[in-house]
Amino acid sequence: MLSIEVSALLQDSRLDLELSLVAGKTGLDRRINIPRIQKPGLALIGDTSKLHSGRVQVLGKSEITYLNSLDAKKQNEVIVKMCKEHITCFVVTRNITAPQILVKMANHYKIPLLSSKLVTSTFINRVTRFLEEQLTATTTVHGVLMDIFGIGILITGRSGIGKSECALDLILKGHRLVADDAVIVSKIPPATLYGQPSDILKYHLEIRGLGILNVKDLFGVASTLNRKQINVVVELVEWNPDYEYDRLGLDDLKELILEVPVPYLKLPVSPGRNVSTIIEVAARNELLKLQGYHASRMFQDKLNLELLTNEANDKDKK
């Protein structure tokens, strides 16, 4: 299971969580493994059964106000009971001063207690985004990711087979480049894959004989996209006359990426074959499938019906 240390929250500067450490410094190596935060409302009235370790516990104005309304004995009892539930960390929002007993118990149980200047809703939005990015399974795939009619098509194949040239042809037809050469693929639970370029390769395309091209500068900002869901994988392979390629399209093949099955097509490449046009049609065909129209299966059903009709007519004649 992916996880990060609580200390990573303090080190983030991009999303500006505006966090500072109040107590529990020795527990900064505790690990967060769930991107969703938790507001421990029920725990404050004594029911800790719903508290989850591995989640950030957020205490906003209403939670702190309630804690401060309790007498010292009850406040101590509630906080100690919470701290015994393997809490990963507490975050108090709006720069509110945490109750002294919470500070004391955070140090005692080595639970990081953080304070944020942000209002609760803003902090939750930012920290959730941060955790989703950090706790997402990722991998790098060698290929080109294109946005074609809104369908994310990942073009793979051996080096030099023509992936980038195909992508250039698709760009000239008005489609958008997401990433070339190294596609960083992220899994968004439960089973959605997104691809994006690395920072250094963003907007760039390598064409043998021309070198590195900046697609954004050459064709305009509308020719690129920073992130796209992956809907289809198309593998380019050299034409092999001895290999039996799929001619009907009845079998919906899948390729596993980060344990997520993605529709897969094996496309043979040979001189005179317009690969970019075929990939463009593959995108259109995927759009039809998403709308419930499967041309190959409908053709097969029609053919089977015709055969059954002819068979019935032959029996009638006999």
Protein backbone atom coordinates (compact mmCIF):
# COMPACT_ATOMS: atom_id res chain seq x y z
CA MET A 1 0.00 0.00 0.00
CA LEU A 2 1.32 3.46 -0.92
CA SER A 3 1.94 5.80 1.98
CA ILE A 4 3.76 9.01 2.89
CA GLU A 5 5.13 10.38 6.12
CA VAL A 6 3.26 13.14 7.94
CA SER A 7 6.38 15.28 7.50
CA ALA A 8 5.57 15.47 3.76
CA LEU A 9 2.59 17.72 4.60
CA LEU A 10 4.93 20.26 6.16
CA GLN A 11 7.34 20.11 3.22
CA ASP A 12 4.75 20.76 0.49
CA SER A 13 4.91 24.25 -0.95
CA ARG A 14 3.07 23.84 -4.24
CA LEU A 15 -0.45 23.61 -2.78
CA ASP A 16 0.33 26.00 0.11
CA LEU A 17 -1.24 24.08 2.99
CA GLU A 18 0.14 26.75 5.39
CA LEU A 19 0.99 24.20 8.06
CA SER A 20 3.15 24.50 11.16
CA LEU A 21 4.06 21.94 13.82
CA VAL A 22 2.51 22.45 17.25
CA ALA A 23 3.36 19.18 19.01
CA GLY A 24 4.30 15.54 18.47
CA LYS A 25 7.53 16.17 16.56
CA THR A 26 8.80 12.66 17.30
CA GLY A 27 5.84 11.21 15.41
CA LEU A 28 6.43 12.94 12.07
CA ASP A 29 7.45 9.60 10.58
CA ARG A 30 3.91 8.25 11.05
CA ARG A 31 2.43 7.31 7.69
CA ILE A 32 -0.67 8.47 5.86
CA ASN A 33 -2.08 5.85 3.45
CA ILE A 34 -5.64 7.07 2.82
CA PRO A 35 -6.17 10.26 0.75
CA ARG A 36 -9.54 11.07 2.31
CA ILE A 37 -9.41 13.17 5.49
CA GLN A 38 -11.58 12.52 8.53
CA LYS A 39 -13.42 14.90 10.87
CA PRO A 40 -13.69 12.98 14.18
CA GLY A 41 -17.15 14.21 15.16
CA LEU A 42 -18.40 10.98 16.78
CA ALA A 43 -15.07 10.44 18.52
CA LEU A 44 -15.52 13.70 20.40
CA ILE A 45 -18.59 12.29 22.11
CA GLY A 46 -16.80 9.06 22.96
CA ASP A 47 -17.45 6.78 19.98
CA THR A 48 -14.02 6.01 18.49
CA SER A 49 -15.15 2.94 16.53
CA LYS A 50 -15.21 4.92 13.26
CA LEU A 51 -11.74 6.43 13.61
CA HIS A 52 -9.35 5.21 10.91
CA SER A 53 -5.60 5.08 11.25
CA GLY A 54 -3.78 6.26 8.16
CA ARG A 55 -6.05 9.29 7.71
CA VAL A 56 -5.52 12.95 8.56
CA GLN A 57 -7.85 13.99 11.39
CA VAL A 58 -9.06 17.57 10.87
CA LEU A 59 -10.35 19.65 13.78
CA GLY A 60 -12.14 22.80 12.68
CA LYS A 61 -13.86 25.58 14.59
CA SER A 62 -16.89 23.49 15.59
CA GLU A 63 -14.75 20.59 16.90
CA ILE A 64 -12.43 22.82 18.93
CA THR A 65 -15.38 24.83 20.28
CA TYR A 66 -17.01 21.60 21.45
CA LEU A 67 -13.80 20.38 23.10
CA ASN A 68 -13.40 23.69 24.92
CA SER A 69 -16.99 23.42 26.21
CA LEU A 70 -16.16 20.22 28.10
CA ASP A 71 -14.93 20.22 31.66
CA ALA A 72 -11.27 19.34 32.20
CA LYS A 73 -11.97 15.71 33.20
CA LYS A 74 -14.24 14.97 30.23
CA GLN A 75 -11.92 16.77 27.82
CA ASN A 76 -8.97 14.69 29.04
CA GLU A 77 -11.00 11.48 28.78
CA VAL A 78 -12.11 12.16 25.18
CA ILE A 79 -8.67 13.18 23.91
CA VAL A 80 -6.85 10.28 25.56
CA LYS A 81 -9.37 7.82 24.12
CA MET A 82 -8.80 9.26 20.63
CA CYS A 83 -5.02 9.21 20.95
CA LYS A 84 -5.08 5.51 21.86
CA GLU A 85 -6.68 4.69 18.47
CA HIS A 86 -3.37 4.91 16.52
CA ILE A 87 -4.15 8.35 15.12
CA THR A 88 -1.78 9.35 12.31
CA CYS A 89 -1.96 13.10 12.90
CA PHE A 90 -4.24 15.97 13.92
CA VAL A 91 -4.63 19.24 11.99
CA VAL A 92 -6.32 22.22 13.61
CA THR A 93 -7.52 24.72 11.00
CA ARG A 94 -8.17 28.51 10.99
CA ASN A 95 -5.03 29.02 13.14
CA ILE A 96 -7.13 28.17 16.23
CA THR A 97 -5.22 27.51 19.44
CA ALA A 98 -5.44 23.82 20.31
CA PRO A 99 -6.52 22.85 23.86
CA GLN A 100 -3.52 22.35 26.13
CA ILE A 101 -4.52 18.77 26.94
CA LEU A 102 -4.47 17.97 23.20
CA VAL A 103 -0.96 19.42 22.92
CA LYS A 104 0.14 17.43 25.97
CA MET A 105 -1.33 14.13 24.77
CA ALA A 106 0.03 14.64 21.23
CA ASN A 107 3.53 14.86 22.69
CA HIS A 108 2.90 11.93 25.03
CA TYR A 109 1.55 9.59 22.34
CA LYS A 110 3.94 10.93 19.67
CA ILE A 111 1.11 12.05 17.39
CA PRO A 112 1.92 15.06 15.18
CA LEU A 113 -0.37 18.01 15.93
CA LEU A 114 -0.33 20.54 13.10
CA SER A 115 -1.94 23.94 12.69
CA SER A 116 -3.10 25.53 9.43
CA LYS A 117 -4.03 29.15 8.78
CA LEU A 118 -6.57 28.04 6.17
CA VAL A 119 -10.30 27.77 6.79
CA THR A 120 -11.44 24.17 7.11
CA SER A 121 -13.07 23.77 3.68
CA THR A 122 -10.07 25.23 1.83
CA PHE A 123 -7.61 23.10 3.79
CA ILE A 124 -9.62 19.92 3.15
CA ASN A 125 -9.73 20.61 -0.59
CA ARG A 126 -6.01 21.28 -0.80
CA VAL A 127 -4.82 18.43 1.41
CA THR A 128 -7.13 15.95 -0.34
CA ARG A 129 -5.68 16.97 -3.71
CA PHE A 130 -2.16 16.67 -2.32
CA LEU A 131 -2.79 13.22 -0.87
CA GLU A 132 -4.51 11.94 -4.02
CA GLU A 133 -1.44 12.92 -6.02
CA GLN A 134 1.01 11.42 -3.52
CA LEU A 135 -0.88 8.18 -2.86
CA THR A 136 -1.70 7.34 -6.47
CA ALA A 137 -0.04 4.32 -8.09
CA THR A 138 2.06 5.41 -11.08
CA THR A 139 4.16 3.87 -13.81
CA THR A 140 5.95 5.07 -16.95
CA VAL A 141 5.01 3.61 -20.34
CA HIS A 142 7.09 4.00 -23.49
CA GLY A 143 4.74 5.36 -26.12
CA VAL A 144 2.71 8.35 -27.29
CA LEU A 145 -0.57 9.48 -25.73
CA MET A 146 -3.00 11.35 -27.98
CA ASP A 147 -6.42 12.91 -27.46
CA ILE A 148 -8.47 11.91 -30.53
CA PHE A 149 -12.13 13.00 -30.58
CA GLY A 150 -12.02 13.04 -26.78
CA ILE A 151 -10.71 9.46 -26.61
CA GLY A 152 -7.31 8.98 -24.98
CA ILE A 153 -5.30 6.61 -27.18
CA LEU A 154 -1.95 5.30 -25.98
CA ILE A 155 0.19 4.31 -28.97
CA THR A 156 2.88 1.77 -28.09
CA GLY A 157 5.38 -0.34 -30.04
CA ARG A 158 9.09 -0.91 -30.40
CA SER A 159 11.45 2.03 -30.79
CA GLY A 160 11.60 3.32 -34.36
CA ILE A 161 8.35 1.75 -35.58
CA GLY A 162 6.77 5.17 -36.22
CA LYS A 163 4.82 6.14 -33.11
CA SER A 164 5.93 9.78 -33.11
CA GLU A 165 5.47 10.12 -36.88
CA CYS A 166 1.95 8.79 -36.50
CA ALA A 167 1.34 11.28 -33.68
CA LEU A 168 2.58 14.13 -35.90
CA ASP A 169 0.15 13.11 -38.63
CA LEU A 170 -2.69 13.08 -36.08
CA ILE A 171 -1.68 16.54 -34.83
CA LEU A 172 -1.83 17.82 -38.42
CA LYS A 173 -5.40 16.47 -38.55
CA GLY A 174 -6.34 18.59 -35.54
CA HIS A 175 -5.88 16.13 -32.66
CA ARG A 176 -3.93 16.86 -29.49
CA LEU A 177 -0.63 15.55 -28.14
CA VAL A 178 -0.50 14.66 -24.45
CA ALA A 179 2.89 12.96 -24.11
CA ASP A 180 5.62 11.52 -26.30
CA ASP A 181 8.25 8.88 -25.50
CA ALA A 182 7.62 8.62 -21.74
CA VAL A 183 3.97 8.63 -20.63
CA ILE A 184 3.51 8.89 -16.86
CA VAL A 185 0.41 6.83 -16.06
CA SER A 186 -1.48 7.31 -12.79
CA LYS A 187 -4.26 5.16 -11.39
CA ILE A 188 -7.19 7.00 -9.87
CA PRO A 189 -9.16 4.57 -7.66
CA PRO A 190 -10.95 2.42 -8.31
CA ALA A 191 -9.95 1.81 -11.95
CA THR A 192 -9.30 4.93 -14.01
CA LEU A 193 -5.98 5.62 -15.73
CA TYR A 194 -4.65 9.05 -16.61
CA GLY A 195 -1.54 9.83 -18.62
CA GLN A 196 0.62 12.93 -18.63
CA PRO A 197 4.08 13.98 -19.82
CA SER A 198 7.15 14.47 -17.68
CA ASP A 199 8.00 18.12 -17.02
CA ILE A 200 11.06 18.06 -19.27
CA LEU A 201 9.32 16.40 -22.26
CA LYS A 202 6.09 18.41 -22.04
CA TYR A 203 4.87 19.68 -25.46
CA HIS A 204 7.80 18.00 -27.25
CA LEU A 205 7.85 15.39 -29.99
CA GLU A 206 10.89 13.58 -31.38
CA ILE A 207 10.93 12.98 -35.13
CA ARG A 208 13.92 11.12 -36.53
CA GLY A 209 15.64 13.30 -39.11
CA LEU A 210 14.10 16.51 -37.71
CA GLY A 211 14.99 16.21 -34.04
CA ILE A 212 12.98 17.59 -31.12
CA LEU A 213 9.90 19.64 -32.04
CA ASN A 214 7.90 21.90 -29.75
CA VAL A 215 4.34 21.08 -30.78
CA LYS A 216 2.83 23.93 -28.78
CA ASP A 217 5.02 26.51 -30.54
CA LEU A 218 4.59 24.97 -33.99
CA PHE A 219 0.84 24.32 -33.97
CA GLY A 220 -0.54 26.45 -31.14
CA VAL A 221 -1.77 25.84 -27.62
CA ALA A 222 -4.84 23.91 -28.84
CA SER A 223 -2.58 21.14 -30.20
CA THR A 224 -1.51 19.92 -26.75
CA LEU A 225 -3.13 18.66 -23.57
CA ASN A 226 -1.51 18.27 -20.16
CA ARG A 227 -3.47 15.25 -18.92
CA LYS A 228 -5.83 12.70 -20.43
CA GLN A 229 -7.69 9.57 -19.42
CA ILE A 230 -6.41 6.48 -21.23
CA ASN A 231 -9.28 4.72 -23.02
CA VAL A 232 -7.52 2.53 -25.62
CA VAL A 233 -4.05 1.05 -26.13
CA VAL A 234 -2.94 0.64 -29.76
CA GLU A 235 0.26 -1.36 -30.27
CA LEU A 236 2.05 -0.85 -33.58
CA VAL A 237 3.77 -4.03 -34.82
CA GLU A 238 5.60 -4.88 -38.02
CA TRP A 239 3.47 -6.71 -40.56
CA ASN A 240 4.00 -10.46 -40.37
CA PRO A 241 2.38 -12.40 -43.23
CA ASP A 242 2.43 -15.57 -41.14
CA TYR A 243 0.50 -14.02 -38.25
CA GLU A 244 -3.31 -14.20 -38.16
CA TYR A 245 -4.47 -10.70 -37.26
CA ASP A 246 -7.96 -9.98 -35.98
CA ARG A 247 -10.21 -9.37 -38.99
CA LEU A 248 -13.64 -9.28 -37.37
CA GLY A 249 -13.09 -7.33 -34.15
CA LEU A 250 -15.31 -9.65 -32.12
CA ASP A 251 -12.76 -10.25 -29.38
CA ASP A 252 -12.43 -7.30 -27.02
CA LEU A 253 -8.79 -7.70 -26.01
CA LYS A 254 -7.47 -5.96 -22.89
CA GLU A 255 -4.06 -4.86 -21.68
CA LEU A 256 -3.36 -4.52 -17.98
CA ILE A 257 -1.78 -1.27 -16.84
CA LEU A 258 -1.46 -0.90 -13.06
CA GLU A 259 -3.89 -3.86 -12.83
CA VAL A 260 -6.53 -1.92 -14.79
CA PRO A 261 -7.78 -3.61 -18.01
CA VAL A 262 -7.71 -1.24 -21.00
CA PRO A 263 -9.15 -2.02 -24.48
CA TYR A 264 -6.25 -3.16 -26.67
CA LEU A 265 -5.68 -3.24 -30.42
CA LYS A 266 -2.71 -4.73 -32.27
CA LEU A 267 -2.18 -2.73 -35.46
CA PRO A 268 0.22 -4.11 -38.11
CA VAL A 269 2.34 -1.52 -39.92
CA SER A 270 3.36 -1.92 -43.56
CA PRO A 271 4.31 0.41 -46.45
CA GLY A 272 1.28 2.21 -47.88
CA ARG A 273 -0.89 1.62 -44.82
CA ASN A 274 -2.26 4.87 -43.39
CA VAL A 275 -1.79 4.13 -39.71
CA SER A 276 -2.92 7.53 -38.41
CA THR A 277 -6.24 7.26 -40.25
CA ILE A 278 -6.80 3.75 -38.86
CA ILE A 279 -6.11 5.02 -35.32
CA GLU A 280 -8.50 7.92 -35.93
CA VAL A 281 -11.19 5.43 -36.97
CA ALA A 282 -10.37 3.29 -33.91
CA ALA A 283 -11.17 6.33 -31.74
CA ARG A 284 -14.49 6.85 -33.54
CA ASN A 285 -15.28 3.15 -33.12
CA GLU A 286 -14.53 3.34 -29.39
CA LEU A 287 -16.94 6.26 -29.09
CA LEU A 288 -19.65 4.09 -30.67
CA LYS A 289 -18.86 1.23 -28.27
CA LEU A 290 -19.18 3.59 -25.31
CA GLN A 291 -22.64 4.47 -26.63
CA GLY A 292 -23.56 0.77 -26.82
CA TYR A 293 -23.04 0.23 -30.57
CA HIS A 294 -20.62 -2.62 -31.38
CA ALA A 295 -20.43 -2.90 -35.18
CA SER A 296 -18.67 -6.30 -35.27
CA ARG A 297 -21.14 -7.95 -32.92
CA MET A 298 -24.11 -6.42 -34.71
CA PHE A 299 -22.73 -7.73 -38.00
CA GLN A 300 -22.31 -11.19 -36.46
CA ASP A 301 -25.87 -11.14 -35.09
CA LYS A 302 -27.18 -10.10 -38.51
CA LEU A 303 -25.17 -12.84 -40.22
CA ASN A 304 -26.35 -15.49 -37.75
CA LEU A 305 -29.95 -14.40 -38.29
CA GLU A 306 -29.50 -14.62 -42.05
CA LEU A 307 -28.04 -18.13 -41.75
CA LEU A 308 -30.90 -19.26 -39.52
CA THR A 309 -33.44 -17.79 -41.94
CA ASN A 310 -31.83 -19.55 -44.92
CA GLU A 311 -31.71 -22.81 -42.98
CA ALA A 312 -35.40 -22.53 -42.12
CA ASN A 313 -36.27 -21.77 -45.74
CA ASP A 314 -34.31 -24.82 -46.95
CA LYS A 315 -36.24 -27.04 -44.53
CA ASP A 316 -39.55 -25.63 -45.74
CA LYS A 317 -38.63 -26.43 -49.36
CA LYS A 318 -37.88 -30.01 -48.45
